[in-house]
């Protein structure tokens, strides 16, 4: 009887260990450990990812800014009173700031 319980516990432990091993392989833990053991490669990959993120940010900001300016230009060309007053106020603020600074 005790032998059967130990056998069931051992079988259950083997199944759970296999599941854990499969999960670790799926998560590529070995690659992460290898990456941390090689600091030069880690720095290189971090540097490259930073460059790519910066480039993506610059391109995205340029596209969104151009789209915003295009839409503002179209709205300004409609000559709406509220928008015209807003743009005139912005122009006054900018001119006053430029006049104050030496």
Protein backbone atom coordinates (compact mmCIF):
# COMPACT_ATOMS: atom_id res chain seq x y z
CA UNK A 1 0.00 0.00 0.00
CA UNK A 2 2.75 2.50 0.95
CA UNK A 3 4.64 1.40 -2.14
CA UNK A 4 1.64 2.30 -4.30
CA UNK A 5 1.29 5.75 -2.67
CA UNK A 6 5.01 6.44 -3.17
CA UNK A 7 4.70 5.32 -6.81
CA UNK A 8 1.73 7.66 -7.38
CA UNK A 9 3.58 10.55 -5.73
CA UNK A 10 6.67 9.86 -7.80
CA UNK A 11 4.62 9.66 -11.01
CA UNK A 12 2.85 12.92 -10.13
CA UNK A 13 6.21 14.58 -9.41
CA UNK A 14 7.62 13.40 -12.76
CA UNK A 15 4.58 14.78 -14.63
CA UNK A 16 4.83 18.14 -12.89
CA UNK A 17 8.59 18.31 -13.51
CA UNK A 18 8.04 17.62 -17.21
CA UNK A 19 5.40 20.38 -17.36
CA UNK A 20 7.77 22.80 -15.63
CA UNK A 21 10.62 21.88 -17.98
CA UNK A 22 8.36 22.38 -20.99
CA UNK A 23 7.21 25.78 -19.66
CA UNK A 24 10.81 26.90 -19.08
CA UNK A 25 11.80 25.84 -22.57
CA UNK A 26 8.80 27.68 -23.97
CA UNK A 27 9.79 30.85 -22.09
CA UNK A 28 13.38 30.64 -23.42
CA UNK A 29 14.87 30.98 -19.95
CA UNK A 30 18.13 29.44 -21.15
CA UNK A 31 18.56 32.25 -23.70
CA UNK A 32 18.00 34.88 -21.01
CA UNK A 33 20.55 33.26 -18.73
CA UNK A 34 23.05 33.08 -21.61
CA UNK A 35 22.39 36.74 -22.38
CA UNK A 36 23.09 37.79 -18.78
CA UNK A 37 26.30 35.77 -18.76
CA UNK A 38 27.59 37.73 -21.77
CA UNK A 39 27.42 41.45 -20.81
CA UNK A 40 28.88 42.68 -24.11
CA UNK A 41 26.08 41.05 -26.10
CA UNK A 42 23.52 42.42 -23.66
CA UNK A 43 24.92 45.96 -24.03
CA UNK A 44 25.00 45.60 -27.81
CA UNK A 45 21.38 44.42 -27.98
CA UNK A 46 20.25 47.14 -25.55
CA UNK A 47 22.05 49.77 -27.63
CA UNK A 48 20.44 48.55 -30.84
CA UNK A 49 16.98 48.43 -29.27
CA UNK A 50 17.46 52.00 -28.00
CA UNK A 51 18.41 53.21 -31.48
CA UNK A 52 15.39 51.49 -33.01
CA UNK A 53 13.03 52.92 -30.38
CA UNK A 54 14.45 56.41 -30.87
CA UNK A 55 14.12 56.15 -34.63
CA UNK A 56 10.54 54.92 -34.30
CA UNK A 57 9.73 57.75 -31.92
CA UNK A 58 11.19 60.34 -34.30
CA UNK A 59 9.30 58.95 -37.30
CA UNK A 60 6.06 58.67 -35.34
CA UNK A 61 6.35 62.19 -33.93
CA UNK A 62 7.08 63.56 -37.40
CA UNK A 63 4.03 61.86 -38.90
CA UNK A 64 1.70 62.91 -36.09
CA UNK A 65 3.07 66.48 -36.12
CA UNK A 66 2.69 66.76 -39.90
CA UNK A 67 -0.86 65.43 -39.69
CA UNK A 68 -1.68 67.91 -36.92
CA UNK A 69 -0.26 70.83 -38.90
CA UNK A 70 -2.11 69.72 -42.03
CA UNK A 71 -5.41 69.55 -40.16
CA UNK A 72 -4.78 72.92 -38.49
CA UNK A 73 -4.02 74.44 -41.90
CA UNK A 74 -7.27 73.09 -43.31
CA UNK A 75 -9.21 74.43 -40.33
CA UNK A 76 -7.52 77.82 -40.63
CA UNK A 77 -8.36 77.98 -44.35
CA UNK A 78 -12.06 77.59 -43.48
CA UNK A 79 -11.77 80.98 -41.78
CA UNK A 80 -13.94 80.06 -38.79
CA UNK A 81 -14.29 82.90 -36.27
CA UNK A 82 -13.43 80.84 -33.17
CA UNK A 83 -10.40 79.22 -34.79
CA UNK A 84 -9.27 82.56 -36.24
CA UNK A 85 -9.43 84.21 -32.82
CA UNK A 86 -7.50 81.32 -31.29
CA UNK A 87 -4.75 81.53 -33.90
CA UNK A 88 -4.60 85.33 -33.56
CA UNK A 89 -4.24 85.00 -29.77
CA UNK A 90 -1.44 82.47 -30.21
CA UNK A 91 0.30 84.82 -32.62
CA UNK A 92 0.04 87.70 -30.13
CA UNK A 93 1.46 85.56 -27.32
CA UNK A 94 4.41 84.45 -29.46
CA UNK A 95 5.14 88.02 -30.63
CA UNK A 96 5.00 89.33 -27.04
CA UNK A 97 7.40 86.60 -25.86
CA UNK A 98 9.81 87.36 -28.69
CA UNK A 99 9.65 91.11 -27.96
CA UNK A 100 10.40 90.61 -24.24
CA UNK A 101 13.48 88.43 -24.73
CA UNK A 102 16.71 90.22 -25.68
